[in-house]
Structure formats: C-alpha cells, structure tokens
Amino acid sequence: MKASVLHDGEGRILAIAKVPNLNAAGSKFTQAGIVPHEGQSLVEVDLSTEDSQRPLLELHETLRVDPTTKTLVKL
C-alpha cells in the first residue's frame, strides 16, 4: 500500500494519508491527495505490510521522512 506523506524541511510528518485505489473503489475521481504549501514537501512511499496495518496516528507519531532519501525512518 502507498501513502502520501506531507513533511517539513526537517522531515517532521505534518500529514499522512493512505493512497486508495480509486478505480477499485468505484470512484469517479481520478486522483486524490494532499497539496503542500511553501516550506513543505510531499512524498509518496510504499508502506510495509506491517505499517499498512498500523493506524495513521501511530505512523505519524513514530516515523519521520528522511529528506535526503525521501523514505520513512523511525524517530
């Protein structure tokens, strides 16, 4: 499962959302997502099977984005 992660310049997660398969859900929307503001970046990452089962709040509290590699790392 993929997740969109909005983060600041230090990698602190500001928002995280699991990316749904809109076609499979029967949605007429072609895309959904988060829009970054100045000083923020958005990265799409693949969640591990374990992480995809965890609540988003838990991911938010225990992970951050490594701005160099654009991957999730533990705090």
PDB file of N, CA and C in Angstrom:
ATOM      1  N   MET A   1       0.838  -1.177   0.000  1.00  0.00           N
ATOM      2  CA  MET A   1       0.000   0.000   0.000  1.00  0.00           C
ATOM      3  C   MET A   1       0.887   1.246   0.000  1.00  0.00           C
ATOM      4  N   LYS A   2       0.456   2.241  -0.721  1.00  0.00           N
ATOM      5  CA  LYS A   2       1.188   3.503  -0.776  1.00  0.00           C
ATOM      6  C   LYS A   2       0.591   4.504   0.208  1.00  0.00           C
ATOM      7  N   ALA A   3       1.429   5.456   0.618  1.00  0.00           N
ATOM      8  CA  ALA A   3       0.972   6.540   1.479  1.00  0.00           C
ATOM      9  C   ALA A   3       1.557   7.841   0.967  1.00  0.00           C
ATOM     10  N   SER A   4       0.765   8.896   1.033  1.00  0.00           N
ATOM     11  CA  SER A   4       1.243  10.246   0.742  1.00  0.00           C
ATOM     12  C   SER A   4       1.620  10.868   2.077  1.00  0.00           C
ATOM     13  N   VAL A   5       2.832  11.427   2.140  1.00  0.00           N
ATOM     14  CA  VAL A   5       3.327  11.994   3.391  1.00  0.00           C
ATOM     15  C   VAL A   5       3.744  13.442   3.146  1.00  0.00           C
ATOM     16  N   LEU A   6       3.099  14.357   3.846  1.00  0.00           N
ATOM     17  CA  LEU A   6       3.442  15.772   3.812  1.00  0.00           C
ATOM     18  C   LEU A   6       4.403  16.028   4.959  1.00  0.00           C
ATOM     19  N   HIS A   7       5.553  16.656   4.664  1.00  0.00           N
ATOM     20  CA  HIS A   7       6.547  16.873   5.713  1.00  0.00           C
ATOM     21  C   HIS A   7       7.208  18.230   5.562  1.00  0.00           C
ATOM     22  N   ASP A   8       7.827  18.678   6.671  1.00  0.00           N
ATOM     23  CA  ASP A   8       8.562  19.942   6.640  1.00  0.00           C
ATOM     24  C   ASP A   8      10.006  19.675   6.237  1.00  0.00           C
ATOM     25  N   GLY A   9      10.838  20.706   6.237  1.00  0.00           N
ATOM     26  CA  GLY A   9      12.223  20.595   5.797  1.00  0.00           C
ATOM     27  C   GLY A   9      13.082  19.687   6.649  1.00  0.00           C
ATOM     28  N   GLU A  10      12.693  19.458   7.907  1.00  0.00           N
ATOM     29  CA  GLU A  10      13.445  18.573   8.794  1.00  0.00           C
ATOM     30  C   GLU A  10      12.922  17.140   8.751  1.00  0.00           C
ATOM     31  N   GLY A  11      11.868  16.886   7.982  1.00  0.00           N
ATOM     32  CA  GLY A  11      11.319  15.542   7.860  1.00  0.00           C
ATOM     33  C   GLY A  11      10.184  15.241   8.812  1.00  0.00           C
ATOM     34  N   ARG A  12       9.779  16.223   9.617  1.00  0.00           N
ATOM     35  CA  ARG A  12       8.663  16.004  10.537  1.00  0.00           C
ATOM     36  C   ARG A  12       7.374  15.834   9.730  1.00  0.00           C
ATOM     37  N   ILE A  13       6.644  14.766  10.000  1.00  0.00           N
ATOM     38  CA  ILE A  13       5.407  14.484   9.289  1.00  0.00           C
ATOM     39  C   ILE A  13       4.328  15.463   9.739  1.00  0.00           C
ATOM     40  N   LEU A  14       3.733  16.145   8.773  1.00  0.00           N
ATOM     41  CA  LEU A  14       2.646  17.081   9.036  1.00  0.00           C
ATOM     42  C   LEU A  14       1.296  16.437   8.750  1.00  0.00           C
ATOM     43  N   ALA A  15       1.262  15.547   7.768  1.00  0.00           N
ATOM     44  CA  ALA A  15       0.039  14.821   7.413  1.00  0.00           C
ATOM     45  C   ALA A  15       0.430  13.543   6.697  1.00  0.00           C
ATOM     46  N   ILE A  16      -0.385  12.527   6.877  1.00  0.00           N
ATOM     47  CA  ILE A  16      -0.147  11.259   6.195  1.00  0.00           C
ATOM     48  C   ILE A  16      -1.494  10.672   5.808  1.00  0.00           C
ATOM     49  N   ALA A  17      -1.561  10.136   4.588  1.00  0.00           N
ATOM     50  CA  ALA A  17      -2.805   9.534   4.106  1.00  0.00           C
ATOM     51  C   ALA A  17      -2.461   8.310   3.275  1.00  0.00           C
ATOM     52  N   LYS A  18      -3.206   7.248   3.487  1.00  0.00           N
ATOM     53  CA  LYS A  18      -3.051   6.069   2.651  1.00  0.00           C
ATOM     54  C   LYS A  18      -3.683   6.374   1.308  1.00  0.00           C
ATOM     55  N   VAL A  19      -3.016   5.967   0.233  1.00  0.00           N
ATOM     56  CA  VAL A  19      -3.477   6.259  -1.120  1.00  0.00           C
ATOM     57  C   VAL A  19      -4.401   5.132  -1.563  1.00  0.00           C
ATOM     58  N   PRO A  20      -5.680   5.441  -1.739  1.00  0.00           N
ATOM     59  CA  PRO A  20      -6.619   4.387  -2.137  1.00  0.00           C
ATOM     60  C   PRO A  20      -6.551   4.111  -3.636  1.00  0.00           C
ATOM     61  N   ASN A  21      -7.002   2.941  -4.013  1.00  0.00           N
ATOM     62  CA  ASN A  21      -7.171   2.630  -5.423  1.00  0.00           C
ATOM     63  C   ASN A  21      -8.570   3.115  -5.793  1.00  0.00           C
ATOM     64  N   LEU A  22      -8.655   4.289  -6.378  1.00  0.00           N
ATOM     65  CA  LEU A  22      -9.944   4.913  -6.657  1.00  0.00           C
ATOM     66  C   LEU A  22     -10.778   4.110  -7.647  1.00  0.00           C
ATOM     67  N   ASN A  23     -10.132   3.531  -8.643  1.00  0.00           N
ATOM     68  CA  ASN A  23     -10.869   2.727  -9.624  1.00  0.00           C
ATOM     69  C   ASN A  23     -11.508   1.522  -8.960  1.00  0.00           C
ATOM     70  N   ALA A  24     -10.760   0.834  -8.124  1.00  0.00           N
ATOM     71  CA  ALA A  24     -11.282  -0.354  -7.447  1.00  0.00           C
ATOM     72  C   ALA A  24     -12.423   0.003  -6.505  1.00  0.00           C
ATOM     73  N   ALA A  25     -12.398   1.213  -5.956  1.00  0.00           N
ATOM     74  CA  ALA A  25     -13.446   1.653  -5.041  1.00  0.00           C
ATOM     75  C   ALA A  25     -14.698   2.121  -5.787  1.00  0.00           C
ATOM     76  N   GLY A  26     -14.612   2.192  -7.112  1.00  0.00           N
ATOM     77  CA  GLY A  26     -15.755   2.625  -7.903  1.00  0.00           C
ATOM     78  C   GLY A  26     -15.938   4.132  -7.938  1.00  0.00           C
ATOM     79  N   SER A  27     -14.891   4.874  -7.586  1.00  0.00           N
ATOM     80  CA  SER A  27     -14.972   6.323  -7.563  1.00  0.00           C
ATOM     81  C   SER A  27     -14.892   6.898  -8.967  1.00  0.00           C
ATOM     82  N   LYS A  28     -15.540   8.023  -9.172  1.00  0.00           N
ATOM     83  CA  LYS A  28     -15.436   8.735 -10.442  1.00  0.00           C
ATOM     84  C   LYS A  28     -14.255   9.707 -10.440  1.00  0.00           C
ATOM     85  N   PHE A  29     -13.630   9.891  -9.269  1.00  0.00           N
ATOM     86  CA  PHE A  29     -12.441  10.738  -9.184  1.00  0.00           C
ATOM     87  C   PHE A  29     -11.251   9.994  -9.772  1.00  0.00           C
ATOM     88  N   THR A  30     -10.354  10.731 -10.397  1.00  0.00           N
ATOM     89  CA  THR A  30      -9.167  10.101 -10.974  1.00  0.00           C
ATOM     90  C   THR A  30      -7.967  10.193 -10.047  1.00  0.00           C
ATOM     91  N   GLN A  31      -7.994  11.138  -9.103  1.00  0.00           N
ATOM     92  CA  GLN A  31      -6.894  11.269  -8.157  1.00  0.00           C
ATOM     93  C   GLN A  31      -7.369  11.981  -6.898  1.00  0.00           C
ATOM     94  N   ALA A  32      -6.632  11.760  -5.828  1.00  0.00           N
ATOM     95  CA  ALA A  32      -6.898  12.420  -4.552  1.00  0.00           C
ATOM     96  C   ALA A  32      -5.555  12.645  -3.892  1.00  0.00           C
ATOM     97  N   GLY A  33      -5.457  13.641  -3.042  1.00  0.00           N
ATOM     98  CA  GLY A  33      -4.168  13.847  -2.405  1.00  0.00           C
ATOM     99  C   GLY A  33      -4.090  15.090  -1.557  1.00  0.00           C
ATOM    100  N   ILE A  34      -2.870  15.384  -1.138  1.00  0.00           N
ATOM    101  CA  ILE A  34      -2.548  16.494  -0.253  1.00  0.00           C
ATOM    102  C   ILE A  34      -1.754  17.513  -1.064  1.00  0.00           C
ATOM    103  N   VAL A  35      -2.012  18.788  -0.848  1.00  0.00           N
ATOM    104  CA  VAL A  35      -1.291  19.839  -1.558  1.00  0.00           C
ATOM    105  C   VAL A  35      -0.329  20.520  -0.588  1.00  0.00           C
ATOM    106  N   PRO A  36       0.995  20.471  -0.870  1.00  0.00           N
ATOM    107  CA  PRO A  36       1.967  21.114   0.016  1.00  0.00           C
ATOM    108  C   PRO A  36       1.981  22.634  -0.148  1.00  0.00           C
ATOM    109  N   HIS A  37       2.262  23.305   0.945  1.00  0.00           N
ATOM    110  CA  HIS A  37       2.435  24.759   0.940  1.00  0.00           C
ATOM    111  C   HIS A  37       3.929  25.068   0.956  1.00  0.00           C
ATOM    112  N   GLU A  38       4.266  26.345   0.926  1.00  0.00           N
ATOM    113  CA  GLU A  38       5.665  26.766   0.937  1.00  0.00           C
ATOM    114  C   GLU A  38       6.382  26.186   2.154  1.00  0.00           C
ATOM    115  N   GLY A  39       7.577  25.628   1.930  1.00  0.00           N
ATOM    116  CA  GLY A  39       8.370  25.043   3.003  1.00  0.00           C
ATOM    117  C   GLY A  39       8.001  23.604   3.329  1.00  0.00           C
ATOM    118  N   GLN A  40       7.037  23.064   2.601  1.00  0.00           N
ATOM    119  CA  GLN A  40       6.604  21.681   2.810  1.00  0.00           C
ATOM    120  C   GLN A  40       6.890  20.867   1.559  1.00  0.00           C
ATOM    121  N   SER A  41       7.005  19.567   1.732  1.00  0.00           N
ATOM    122  CA  SER A  41       7.211  18.666   0.598  1.00  0.00           C
ATOM    123  C   SER A  41       6.266  17.489   0.730  1.00  0.00           C
ATOM    124  N   LEU A  42       5.937  16.903  -0.394  1.00  0.00           N
ATOM    125  CA  LEU A  42       5.057  15.744  -0.433  1.00  0.00           C
ATOM    126  C   LEU A  42       5.817  14.602  -1.077  1.00  0.00           C
ATOM    127  N   VAL A  43       5.769  13.446  -0.435  1.00  0.00           N
ATOM    128  CA  VAL A  43       6.427  12.260  -0.973  1.00  0.00           C
ATOM    129  C   VAL A  43       5.449  11.103  -0.896  1.00  0.00           C
ATOM    130  N   GLU A  44       5.459  10.249  -1.907  1.00  0.00           N
ATOM    131  CA  GLU A  44       4.643   9.044  -1.892  1.00  0.00           C
ATOM    132  C   GLU A  44       5.571   7.873  -1.613  1.00  0.00           C
ATOM    133  N   VAL A  45       5.241   7.093  -0.599  1.00  0.00           N
ATOM    134  CA  VAL A  45       6.092   5.976  -0.184  1.00  0.00           C
ATOM    135  C   VAL A  45       5.290   4.686  -0.179  1.00  0.00           C
ATOM    136  N   ASP A  46       5.990   3.569  -0.338  1.00  0.00           N
ATOM    137  CA  ASP A  46       5.379   2.257  -0.189  1.00  0.00           C
ATOM    138  C   ASP A  46       5.461   1.869   1.270  1.00  0.00           C
ATOM    139  N   LEU A  47       4.322   1.532   1.865  1.00  0.00           N
ATOM    140  CA  LEU A  47       4.300   1.085   3.254  1.00  0.00           C
ATOM    141  C   LEU A  47       4.559  -0.419   3.295  1.00  0.00           C
ATOM    142  N   SER A  48       5.300  -0.845   4.307  1.00  0.00           N
ATOM    143  CA  SER A  48       5.484  -2.277   4.506  1.00  0.00           C
ATOM    144  C   SER A  48       4.141  -2.885   4.880  1.00  0.00           C
ATOM    145  N   THR A  49       4.035  -4.191   4.805  1.00  0.00           N
ATOM    146  CA  THR A  49       2.796  -4.862   5.190  1.00  0.00           C
ATOM    147  C   THR A  49       2.439  -4.524   6.627  1.00  0.00           C
ATOM    148  N   GLU A  50       3.437  -4.522   7.498  1.00  0.00           N
ATOM    149  CA  GLU A  50       3.210  -4.198   8.909  1.00  0.00           C
ATOM    150  C   GLU A  50       2.712  -2.759   9.066  1.00  0.00           C
ATOM    151  N   ASP A  51       3.385  -1.812   8.429  1.00  0.00           N
ATOM    152  CA  ASP A  51       2.996  -0.406   8.553  1.00  0.00           C
ATOM    153  C   ASP A  51       1.622  -0.132   7.950  1.00  0.00           C
ATOM    154  N   SER A  52       1.262  -0.847   6.897  1.00  0.00           N
ATOM    155  CA  SER A  52      -0.040  -0.609   6.274  1.00  0.00           C
ATOM    156  C   SER A  52      -1.192  -1.038   7.184  1.00  0.00           C
ATOM    157  N   GLN A  53      -0.911  -1.888   8.173  1.00  0.00           N
ATOM    158  CA  GLN A  53      -1.931  -2.332   9.124  1.00  0.00           C
ATOM    159  C   GLN A  53      -2.023  -1.418  10.354  1.00  0.00           C
ATOM    160  N   ARG A  54      -1.024  -0.575  10.549  1.00  0.00           N
ATOM    161  CA  ARG A  54      -0.990   0.301  11.728  1.00  0.00           C
ATOM    162  C   ARG A  54      -1.867   1.533  11.510  1.00  0.00           C
ATOM    163  N   PRO A  55      -2.452   2.075  12.587  1.00  0.00           N
ATOM    164  CA  PRO A  55      -3.231   3.313  12.453  1.00  0.00           C
ATOM    165  C   PRO A  55      -2.346   4.471  11.980  1.00  0.00           C
ATOM    166  N   LEU A  56      -2.915   5.387  11.207  1.00  0.00           N
ATOM    167  CA  LEU A  56      -2.148   6.515  10.689  1.00  0.00           C
ATOM    168  C   LEU A  56      -1.540   7.353  11.807  1.00  0.00           C
ATOM    169  N   LEU A  57      -2.257   7.537  12.902  1.00  0.00           N
ATOM    170  CA  LEU A  57      -1.730   8.319  14.022  1.00  0.00           C
ATOM    171  C   LEU A  57      -0.452   7.686  14.565  1.00  0.00           C
ATOM    172  N   GLU A  58      -0.408   6.374  14.634  1.00  0.00           N
ATOM    173  CA  GLU A  58       0.794   5.681  15.118  1.00  0.00           C
ATOM    174  C   GLU A  58       1.972   5.902  14.166  1.00  0.00           C
ATOM    175  N   LEU A  59       1.710   5.861  12.870  1.00  0.00           N
ATOM    176  CA  LEU A  59       2.776   6.135  11.895  1.00  0.00           C
ATOM    177  C   LEU A  59       3.277   7.568  12.067  1.00  0.00           C
ATOM    178  N   HIS A  60       2.344   8.493  12.245  1.00  0.00           N
ATOM    179  CA  HIS A  60       2.666   9.911  12.417  1.00  0.00           C
ATOM    180  C   HIS A  60       3.555  10.126  13.637  1.00  0.00           C
ATOM    181  N   GLU A  61       3.271   9.405  14.712  1.00  0.00           N
ATOM    182  CA  GLU A  61       3.990   9.597  15.981  1.00  0.00           C
ATOM    183  C   GLU A  61       5.319   8.852  16.047  1.00  0.00           C
ATOM    184  N   THR A  62       5.536   7.853  15.200  1.00  0.00           N
ATOM    185  CA  THR A  62       6.739   7.024  15.334  1.00  0.00           C
ATOM    186  C   THR A  62       7.704   7.110  14.156  1.00  0.00           C
ATOM    187  N   LEU A  63       7.303   7.789  13.092  1.00  0.00           N
ATOM    188  CA  LEU A  63       8.149   7.868  11.899  1.00  0.00           C
ATOM    189  C   LEU A  63       8.400   9.320  11.505  1.00  0.00           C
ATOM    190  N   ARG A  64       9.392   9.512  10.665  1.00  0.00           N
ATOM    191  CA  ARG A  64       9.659  10.795  10.033  1.00  0.00           C
ATOM    192  C   ARG A  64      10.174  10.510   8.639  1.00  0.00           C
ATOM    193  N   VAL A  65      10.259  11.532   7.813  1.00  0.00           N
ATOM    194  CA  VAL A  65      10.777  11.388   6.460  1.00  0.00           C
ATOM    195  C   VAL A  65      12.244  11.798   6.466  1.00  0.00           C
ATOM    196  N   ASP A  66      13.098  10.968   5.908  1.00  0.00           N
ATOM    197  CA  ASP A  66      14.485  11.356   5.684  1.00  0.00           C
ATOM    198  C   ASP A  66      14.466  12.220   4.428  1.00  0.00           C
ATOM    199  N   PRO A  67      14.693  13.551   4.558  1.00  0.00           N
ATOM    200  CA  PRO A  67      14.594  14.438   3.393  1.00  0.00           C
ATOM    201  C   PRO A  67      15.568  14.096   2.265  1.00  0.00           C
ATOM    202  N   THR A  68      16.672  13.458   2.591  1.00  0.00           N
ATOM    203  CA  THR A  68      17.664  13.115   1.575  1.00  0.00           C
ATOM    204  C   THR A  68      17.214  11.944   0.714  1.00  0.00           C
ATOM    205  N   THR A  69      16.725  10.871   1.361  1.00  0.00           N
ATOM    206  CA  THR A  69      16.346   9.655   0.630  1.00  0.00           C
ATOM    207  C   THR A  69      14.859   9.581   0.323  1.00  0.00           C
ATOM    208  N   LYS A  70      14.062  10.504   0.916  1.00  0.00           N
ATOM    209  CA  LYS A  70      12.602  10.516   0.720  1.00  0.00           C
ATOM    210  C   LYS A  70      11.965   9.196   1.153  1.00  0.00           C
ATOM    211  N   THR A  71      12.473   8.621   2.243  1.00  0.00           N
ATOM    212  CA  THR A  71      11.924   7.387   2.793  1.00  0.00           C
ATOM    213  C   THR A  71      11.510   7.621   4.242  1.00  0.00           C
ATOM    214  N   LEU A  72      10.652   6.756   4.747  1.00  0.00           N
ATOM    215  CA  LEU A  72      10.246   6.819   6.145  1.00  0.00           C
ATOM    216  C   LEU A  72      11.283   6.141   7.018  1.00  0.00           C
ATOM    217  N   VAL A  73      11.617   6.780   8.124  1.00  0.00           N
ATOM    218  CA  VAL A  73      12.561   6.209   9.087  1.00  0.00           C
ATOM    219  C   VAL A  73      11.971   6.382  10.486  1.00  0.00           C
ATOM    220  N   LYS A  74      12.408   5.535  11.397  1.00  0.00           N
ATOM    221  CA  LYS A  74      11.926   5.623  12.781  1.00  0.00           C
ATOM    222  C   LYS A  74      12.508   6.841  13.455  1.00  0.00           C
ATOM    223  N   LEU A  75      11.732   7.415  14.371  1.00  0.00           N
ATOM    224  CA  LEU A  75      12.200   8.566  15.165  1.00  0.00           C
ATOM    225  C   LEU A  75      13.348   8.156  16.059  1.00  0.00           C
TER     226      LEU A  75
END
